[in-house]
Amino acid sequence: MIELRQLASQVHERLLDFYGQPTWRNPLPPLDELVSTILSQNTNDTNRDRAFGALKAHFSSWEAVRDAPAADLIAAIRVAGLANQKGPRIQNVLAEITRERNSLELGFLAELPLEKARTWLLGFKGVGPKTAAIVLLFSLGRPAFPVDTHIFRVTGRVGLLPEKMTVEAAHPFLEGLFPPETYYGAHLNIIRLGREICKARRPACQLCPVLGICKYFDKNI
């Protein structure tokens, strides 16, 4: 484990040297981030943002989204794809939050112990480890490490993840490798590496800033 932590540190430092300290968009309120992340499932960032913008333009409040005819919500978010699934999923989450909290506001999660906050978010159908971690990290500034397709692929290739580890198991595993203060930068830079260089097909290994410490290159190239 010590060697893996050292490798994680090397990966992070090399990506900082290569890309710099990244900054994502301005943080959204946690409920907005939760809905946005549900919209992002199985689509790209552009379609997610278009759907979220259309949703906010069409409905005056989250209460209005919760109580709207399902067909209206589905029509508003269609650009995100899988709208017939995402629309009811969003409404069900909003309804459950209302039943539990008597309001649609998630700021209280900032005060809960981290694992209680994570468990609370995971209690909703359609909210998995990645969605919960995104809300915790980007909206609430809590130490969580979201693992998406790019991060799972890149960290697996580099040699940070054991073979056959699941995406779900990779969340706590990577949180144990990277120091909490690096989660934000490491998450964003690894995603960028996966999109631009360490692609699923034909990775451009010769251009990669982690060349020389990457197990995939040593084994396959």
C-alpha atoms as a PDB file:
ATOM      1  CA  MET A   1       0.000   0.000   0.000  1.00  0.00           C
ATOM      2  CA  ILE A   2       2.901   2.365   0.731  1.00  0.00           C
ATOM      3  CA  GLU A   3       4.226   1.828  -2.790  1.00  0.00           C
ATOM      4  CA  LEU A   4       0.792   2.548  -4.265  1.00  0.00           C
ATOM      5  CA  ARG A   5       0.510   5.758  -2.253  1.00  0.00           C
ATOM      6  CA  GLN A   6       3.899   6.806  -3.571  1.00  0.00           C
ATOM      7  CA  LEU A   7       2.761   6.027  -7.122  1.00  0.00           C
ATOM      8  CA  ALA A   8      -0.430   8.034  -6.590  1.00  0.00           C
ATOM      9  CA  SER A   9       1.644  10.970  -5.369  1.00  0.00           C
ATOM     10  CA  GLN A  10       3.908  10.718  -8.404  1.00  0.00           C
ATOM     11  CA  VAL A  11       0.936  10.642 -10.765  1.00  0.00           C
ATOM     12  CA  HIS A  12      -0.600  13.672  -9.092  1.00  0.00           C
ATOM     13  CA  GLU A  13       2.634  15.670  -9.153  1.00  0.00           C
ATOM     14  CA  ARG A  14       3.333  14.860 -12.791  1.00  0.00           C
ATOM     15  CA  LEU A  15      -0.154  15.893 -13.813  1.00  0.00           C
ATOM     16  CA  LEU A  16       0.168  19.139 -11.866  1.00  0.00           C
ATOM     17  CA  ASP A  17       3.412  19.842 -13.702  1.00  0.00           C
ATOM     18  CA  PHE A  18       1.780  19.001 -17.035  1.00  0.00           C
ATOM     19  CA  TYR A  19      -1.681  20.561 -16.667  1.00  0.00           C
ATOM     20  CA  GLY A  20      -1.379  22.860 -13.670  1.00  0.00           C
ATOM     21  CA  GLN A  21      -3.855  23.139 -10.808  1.00  0.00           C
ATOM     22  CA  PRO A  22      -7.291  22.684 -12.406  1.00  0.00           C
ATOM     23  CA  THR A  23     -10.428  24.642 -11.617  1.00  0.00           C
ATOM     24  CA  TRP A  24     -13.883  23.345 -12.429  1.00  0.00           C
ATOM     25  CA  ARG A  25     -16.884  25.565 -12.986  1.00  0.00           C
ATOM     26  CA  ASN A  26     -18.289  27.591 -10.108  1.00  0.00           C
ATOM     27  CA  PRO A  27     -19.706  25.246  -7.461  1.00  0.00           C
ATOM     28  CA  LEU A  28     -23.426  24.590  -7.608  1.00  0.00           C
ATOM     29  CA  PRO A  29     -25.622  24.329  -4.516  1.00  0.00           C
ATOM     30  CA  PRO A  30     -25.704  20.679  -3.436  1.00  0.00           C
ATOM     31  CA  LEU A  31     -29.242  19.973  -4.653  1.00  0.00           C
ATOM     32  CA  ASP A  32     -28.436  21.520  -8.034  1.00  0.00           C
ATOM     33  CA  GLU A  33     -25.274  19.423  -8.222  1.00  0.00           C
ATOM     34  CA  LEU A  34     -27.196  16.290  -7.340  1.00  0.00           C
ATOM     35  CA  VAL A  35     -29.701  16.836 -10.145  1.00  0.00           C
ATOM     36  CA  SER A  36     -26.978  17.872 -12.587  1.00  0.00           C
ATOM     37  CA  THR A  37     -25.023  14.718 -11.837  1.00  0.00           C
ATOM     38  CA  ILE A  38     -28.079  12.524 -12.361  1.00  0.00           C
ATOM     39  CA  LEU A  39     -28.504  14.222 -15.730  1.00  0.00           C
ATOM     40  CA  SER A  40     -24.843  13.514 -16.543  1.00  0.00           C
ATOM     41  CA  GLN A  41     -25.267   9.761 -16.325  1.00  0.00           C
ATOM     42  CA  ASN A  42     -24.533   8.112 -19.698  1.00  0.00           C
ATOM     43  CA  THR A  43     -24.077  11.386 -21.543  1.00  0.00           C
ATOM     44  CA  ASN A  44     -21.427  14.045 -22.098  1.00  0.00           C
ATOM     45  CA  ASP A  45     -20.906  17.332 -20.249  1.00  0.00           C
ATOM     46  CA  THR A  46     -22.364  19.431 -23.055  1.00  0.00           C
ATOM     47  CA  ASN A  47     -25.671  17.568 -23.123  1.00  0.00           C
ATOM     48  CA  ARG A  48     -25.802  17.532 -19.332  1.00  0.00           C
ATOM     49  CA  ASP A  49     -25.370  21.299 -19.178  1.00  0.00           C
ATOM     50  CA  ARG A  50     -27.930  21.899 -21.920  1.00  0.00           C
ATOM     51  CA  ALA A  51     -30.474  19.730 -20.135  1.00  0.00           C
ATOM     52  CA  PHE A  52     -29.788  21.368 -16.775  1.00  0.00           C
ATOM     53  CA  GLY A  53     -30.135  24.832 -18.310  1.00  0.00           C
ATOM     54  CA  ALA A  54     -33.413  23.857 -19.958  1.00  0.00           C
ATOM     55  CA  LEU A  55     -34.705  22.431 -16.693  1.00  0.00           C
ATOM     56  CA  LYS A  56     -33.863  25.608 -14.757  1.00  0.00           C
ATOM     57  CA  ALA A  57     -35.393  27.777 -17.473  1.00  0.00           C
ATOM     58  CA  HIS A  58     -38.597  25.760 -17.649  1.00  0.00           C
ATOM     59  CA  PHE A  59     -39.283  25.359 -13.928  1.00  0.00           C
ATOM     60  CA  SER A  60     -39.281  28.096 -11.297  1.00  0.00           C
ATOM     61  CA  SER A  61     -38.113  25.945  -8.378  1.00  0.00           C
ATOM     62  CA  TRP A  62     -37.168  22.420  -7.360  1.00  0.00           C
ATOM     63  CA  GLU A  63     -40.635  22.112  -5.855  1.00  0.00           C
ATOM     64  CA  ALA A  64     -42.045  22.826  -9.315  1.00  0.00           C
ATOM     65  CA  VAL A  65     -39.800  20.130 -10.804  1.00  0.00           C
ATOM     66  CA  ARG A  66     -40.897  17.673  -8.127  1.00  0.00           C
ATOM     67  CA  ASP A  67     -44.605  18.323  -8.685  1.00  0.00           C
ATOM     68  CA  ALA A  68     -44.618  18.706 -12.478  1.00  0.00           C
ATOM     69  CA  PRO A  69     -46.282  16.219 -14.812  1.00  0.00           C
ATOM     70  CA  ALA A  70     -43.602  13.663 -15.624  1.00  0.00           C
ATOM     71  CA  ALA A  71     -44.028  14.296 -19.343  1.00  0.00           C
ATOM     72  CA  ASP A  72     -43.114  17.982 -18.909  1.00  0.00           C
ATOM     73  CA  LEU A  73     -39.903  17.160 -17.081  1.00  0.00           C
ATOM     74  CA  ILE A  74     -38.973  14.458 -19.580  1.00  0.00           C
ATOM     75  CA  ALA A  75     -39.472  16.897 -22.449  1.00  0.00           C
ATOM     76  CA  ALA A  76     -37.303  19.538 -20.755  1.00  0.00           C
ATOM     77  CA  ILE A  77     -34.333  17.231 -20.190  1.00  0.00           C
ATOM     78  CA  ARG A  78     -34.583  15.126 -23.353  1.00  0.00           C
ATOM     79  CA  VAL A  79     -31.258  16.397 -24.689  1.00  0.00           C
ATOM     80  CA  ALA A  80     -29.456  14.585 -21.838  1.00  0.00           C
ATOM     81  CA  GLY A  81     -30.599  11.207 -23.142  1.00  0.00           C
ATOM     82  CA  LEU A  82     -32.470   8.507 -21.215  1.00  0.00           C
ATOM     83  CA  ALA A  83     -34.954  11.203 -20.229  1.00  0.00           C
ATOM     84  CA  ASN A  84     -37.689   8.635 -19.573  1.00  0.00           C
ATOM     85  CA  GLN A  85     -35.501   7.214 -16.821  1.00  0.00           C
ATOM     86  CA  LYS A  86     -33.848  10.370 -15.534  1.00  0.00           C
ATOM     87  CA  GLY A  87     -37.040  12.410 -15.237  1.00  0.00           C
ATOM     88  CA  PRO A  88     -38.831  10.036 -12.837  1.00  0.00           C
ATOM     89  CA  ARG A  89     -35.552   9.413 -11.036  1.00  0.00           C
ATOM     90  CA  ILE A  90     -35.102  13.121 -10.337  1.00  0.00           C
ATOM     91  CA  GLN A  91     -38.701  13.519  -9.206  1.00  0.00           C
ATOM     92  CA  ASN A  92     -38.472  10.500  -6.918  1.00  0.00           C
ATOM     93  CA  VAL A  93     -35.277  11.831  -5.299  1.00  0.00           C
ATOM     94  CA  LEU A  94     -36.862  15.249  -4.781  1.00  0.00           C
ATOM     95  CA  ALA A  95     -39.983  13.667  -3.285  1.00  0.00           C
ATOM     96  CA  GLU A  96     -37.943  11.495  -0.915  1.00  0.00           C
ATOM     97  CA  ILE A  97     -35.827  14.442   0.219  1.00  0.00           C
ATOM     98  CA  THR A  98     -39.025  16.375   0.938  1.00  0.00           C
ATOM     99  CA  ARG A  99     -40.434  13.498   2.994  1.00  0.00           C
ATOM    100  CA  GLU A 100     -37.238  13.190   5.019  1.00  0.00           C
ATOM    101  CA  ARG A 101     -36.357  16.866   5.456  1.00  0.00           C
ATOM    102  CA  ASN A 102     -39.623  18.756   4.877  1.00  0.00           C
ATOM    103  CA  SER A 103     -37.683  20.982   2.483  1.00  0.00           C
ATOM    104  CA  LEU A 104     -35.548  20.796  -0.629  1.00  0.00           C
ATOM    105  CA  GLU A 105     -32.219  21.942   0.758  1.00  0.00           C
ATOM    106  CA  LEU A 106     -29.091  19.870   1.332  1.00  0.00           C
ATOM    107  CA  GLY A 107     -26.788  22.287   3.128  1.00  0.00           C
ATOM    108  CA  PHE A 108     -27.139  20.221   6.304  1.00  0.00           C
ATOM    109  CA  LEU A 109     -24.846  17.612   4.725  1.00  0.00           C
ATOM    110  CA  ALA A 110     -21.899  19.936   5.304  1.00  0.00           C
ATOM    111  CA  GLU A 111     -22.324  19.453   9.064  1.00  0.00           C
ATOM    112  CA  LEU A 112     -22.785  15.688   9.127  1.00  0.00           C
ATOM    113  CA  PRO A 113     -19.837  13.333   9.620  1.00  0.00           C
ATOM    114  CA  LEU A 114     -18.533  12.496   6.169  1.00  0.00           C
ATOM    115  CA  GLU A 115     -19.626   8.866   6.067  1.00  0.00           C
ATOM    116  CA  LYS A 116     -23.095   9.722   7.374  1.00  0.00           C
ATOM    117  CA  ALA A 117     -23.451  12.316   4.642  1.00  0.00           C
ATOM    118  CA  ARG A 118     -22.294   9.816   2.029  1.00  0.00           C
ATOM    119  CA  THR A 119     -24.630   7.104   3.308  1.00  0.00           C
ATOM    120  CA  TRP A 120     -27.550   9.535   3.309  1.00  0.00           C
ATOM    121  CA  LEU A 121     -26.996  10.381  -0.344  1.00  0.00           C
ATOM    122  CA  LEU A 122     -26.543   6.743  -1.304  1.00  0.00           C
ATOM    123  CA  GLY A 123     -29.942   5.965   0.165  1.00  0.00           C
ATOM    124  CA  PHE A 124     -31.692   7.343  -2.909  1.00  0.00           C
ATOM    125  CA  LYS A 125     -32.352   5.125  -5.905  1.00  0.00           C
ATOM    126  CA  GLY A 126     -30.223   6.286  -8.811  1.00  0.00           C
ATOM    127  CA  VAL A 127     -27.579   7.891  -6.587  1.00  0.00           C
ATOM    128  CA  GLY A 128     -24.395   5.823  -6.656  1.00  0.00           C
ATOM    129  CA  PRO A 129     -20.912   6.366  -5.229  1.00  0.00           C
ATOM    130  CA  LYS A 130     -19.814   8.680  -8.053  1.00  0.00           C
ATOM    131  CA  THR A 131     -22.861  10.936  -7.777  1.00  0.00           C
ATOM    132  CA  ALA A 132     -22.584  11.129  -3.990  1.00  0.00           C
ATOM    133  CA  ALA A 133     -18.863  11.889  -4.173  1.00  0.00           C
ATOM    134  CA  ILE A 134     -19.367  14.659  -6.736  1.00  0.00           C
ATOM    135  CA  VAL A 135     -21.920  16.390  -4.505  1.00  0.00           C
ATOM    136  CA  LEU A 136     -19.679  16.021  -1.460  1.00  0.00           C
ATOM    137  CA  LEU A 137     -16.488  17.202  -3.165  1.00  0.00           C
ATOM    138  CA  PHE A 138     -17.622  19.958  -5.501  1.00  0.00           C
ATOM    139  CA  SER A 139     -20.626  21.425  -3.692  1.00  0.00           C
ATOM    140  CA  LEU A 140     -19.745  20.840  -0.065  1.00  0.00           C
ATOM    141  CA  GLY A 141     -15.943  20.785  -0.102  1.00  0.00           C
ATOM    142  CA  ARG A 142     -15.873  17.411   1.623  1.00  0.00           C
ATOM    143  CA  PRO A 143     -13.011  14.945   1.029  1.00  0.00           C
ATOM    144  CA  ALA A 144     -14.499  12.486  -1.476  1.00  0.00           C
ATOM    145  CA  PHE A 145     -12.945  11.092  -4.656  1.00  0.00           C
ATOM    146  CA  PRO A 146     -15.422  10.514  -7.507  1.00  0.00           C
ATOM    147  CA  VAL A 147     -14.462   7.728  -9.906  1.00  0.00           C
ATOM    148  CA  ASP A 148     -15.812   8.001 -13.438  1.00  0.00           C
ATOM    149  CA  THR A 149     -14.996   5.960 -16.552  1.00  0.00           C
ATOM    150  CA  HIS A 150     -11.836   7.934 -17.302  1.00  0.00           C
ATOM    151  CA  ILE A 151     -10.459   7.738 -13.775  1.00  0.00           C
ATOM    152  CA  PHE A 152     -11.214   4.033 -13.525  1.00  0.00           C
ATOM    153  CA  ARG A 153      -9.438   3.366 -16.823  1.00  0.00           C
ATOM    154  CA  VAL A 154      -6.401   5.580 -16.191  1.00  0.00           C
ATOM    155  CA  THR A 155      -5.750   4.500 -12.608  1.00  0.00           C
ATOM    156  CA  GLY A 156      -6.166   0.879 -13.630  1.00  0.00           C
ATOM    157  CA  ARG A 157      -3.685   1.237 -16.469  1.00  0.00           C
ATOM    158  CA  VAL A 158      -1.147   3.103 -14.382  1.00  0.00           C
ATOM    159  CA  GLY A 159      -1.242   0.340 -11.797  1.00  0.00           C
ATOM    160  CA  LEU A 160      -3.026   2.002  -8.906  1.00  0.00           C
ATOM    161  CA  LEU A 161      -5.979  -0.410  -8.903  1.00  0.00           C
ATOM    162  CA  PRO A 162      -5.845  -4.162  -8.359  1.00  0.00           C
ATOM    163  CA  GLU A 163      -6.997  -6.232 -11.300  1.00  0.00           C
ATOM    164  CA  LYS A 164     -10.728  -7.023 -11.349  1.00  0.00           C
ATOM    165  CA  MET A 165     -11.562  -4.288  -8.824  1.00  0.00           C
ATOM    166  CA  THR A 166     -15.024  -2.859  -9.444  1.00  0.00           C
ATOM    167  CA  VAL A 167     -15.776   0.815 -10.001  1.00  0.00           C
ATOM    168  CA  GLU A 168     -17.691   0.892  -6.731  1.00  0.00           C
ATOM    169  CA  ALA A 169     -14.757  -0.535  -4.795  1.00  0.00           C
ATOM    170  CA  ALA A 170     -12.375   1.901  -6.505  1.00  0.00           C
ATOM    171  CA  HIS A 171     -13.936   4.886  -4.702  1.00  0.00           C
ATOM    172  CA  PRO A 172     -12.770   4.044  -1.158  1.00  0.00           C
ATOM    173  CA  PHE A 173      -9.594   2.443  -2.497  1.00  0.00           C
ATOM    174  CA  LEU A 174      -8.431   5.582  -4.324  1.00  0.00           C
ATOM    175  CA  GLU A 175      -9.501   7.746  -1.396  1.00  0.00           C
ATOM    176  CA  GLY A 176      -7.011   5.733   0.626  1.00  0.00           C
ATOM    177  CA  LEU A 177      -4.193   6.322  -1.878  1.00  0.00           C
ATOM    178  CA  PHE A 178      -4.466  10.040  -2.620  1.00  0.00           C
ATOM    179  CA  PRO A 179      -4.195  12.536   0.245  1.00  0.00           C
ATOM    180  CA  PRO A 180      -7.550  14.284   0.807  1.00  0.00           C
ATOM    181  CA  GLU A 181      -6.128  17.697  -0.083  1.00  0.00           C
ATOM    182  CA  THR A 182      -5.301  16.378  -3.573  1.00  0.00           C
ATOM    183  CA  TYR A 183      -8.722  14.904  -4.396  1.00  0.00           C
ATOM    184  CA  TYR A 184      -9.999  17.940  -6.286  1.00  0.00           C
ATOM    185  CA  GLY A 185      -6.937  18.445  -8.491  1.00  0.00           C
ATOM    186  CA  ALA A 186      -6.182  14.763  -8.975  1.00  0.00           C
ATOM    187  CA  HIS A 187      -9.771  13.986  -9.963  1.00  0.00           C
ATOM    188  CA  LEU A 188      -9.942  16.716 -12.603  1.00  0.00           C
ATOM    189  CA  ASN A 189      -6.463  16.161 -14.011  1.00  0.00           C
ATOM    190  CA  ILE A 190      -6.857  12.399 -14.316  1.00  0.00           C
ATOM    191  CA  ILE A 191     -10.131  12.927 -16.185  1.00  0.00           C
ATOM    192  CA  ARG A 192      -8.386  15.330 -18.530  1.00  0.00           C
ATOM    193  CA  LEU A 193      -5.590  12.835 -19.104  1.00  0.00           C
ATOM    194  CA  GLY A 194      -8.162  10.152 -19.923  1.00  0.00           C
ATOM    195  CA  ARG A 195      -9.995  12.360 -22.381  1.00  0.00           C
ATOM    196  CA  GLU A 196      -6.992  13.772 -24.181  1.00  0.00           C
ATOM    197  CA  ILE A 197      -4.193  11.177 -24.010  1.00  0.00           C
ATOM    198  CA  CYS A 198      -5.039   7.953 -22.173  1.00  0.00           C
ATOM    199  CA  LYS A 199      -8.066   7.242 -24.344  1.00  0.00           C
ATOM    200  CA  ALA A 200      -9.930   3.966 -24.279  1.00  0.00           C
ATOM    201  CA  ARG A 201      -8.728   3.176 -27.793  1.00  0.00           C
ATOM    202  CA  ARG A 202      -5.256   3.954 -29.026  1.00  0.00           C
ATOM    203  CA  PRO A 203      -3.863   5.831 -26.020  1.00  0.00           C
ATOM    204  CA  ALA A 204      -1.145   8.305 -27.014  1.00  0.00           C
ATOM    205  CA  CYS A 205       1.382   6.875 -24.581  1.00  0.00           C
ATOM    206  CA  GLN A 206       4.370   8.707 -26.064  1.00  0.00           C
ATOM    207  CA  LEU A 207       2.723  12.017 -25.121  1.00  0.00           C
ATOM    208  CA  CYS A 208       1.763  10.957 -21.611  1.00  0.00           C
ATOM    209  CA  PRO A 209       3.194  12.802 -18.581  1.00  0.00           C
ATOM    210  CA  VAL A 210       3.152   9.596 -16.513  1.00  0.00           C
ATOM    211  CA  LEU A 211       5.241   7.706 -19.058  1.00  0.00           C
ATOM    212  CA  GLY A 212       7.902   5.778 -17.167  1.00  0.00           C
ATOM    213  CA  ILE A 213       5.769   5.000 -14.128  1.00  0.00           C
ATOM    214  CA  CYS A 214       2.797   3.529 -15.986  1.00  0.00           C
ATOM    215  CA  LYS A 215       2.340  -0.244 -15.838  1.00  0.00           C
ATOM    216  CA  TYR A 216       0.240  -0.267 -19.017  1.00  0.00           C
ATOM    217  CA  PHE A 217       3.038   1.181 -21.094  1.00  0.00           C
ATOM    218  CA  ASP A 218       5.606  -1.180 -19.607  1.00  0.00           C
ATOM    219  CA  LYS A 219       3.397  -4.209 -20.254  1.00  0.00           C
ATOM    220  CA  ASN A 220       1.781  -3.413 -23.607  1.00  0.00           C
ATOM    221  CA  ILE A 221       3.858  -0.937 -25.577  1.00  0.00           C
END
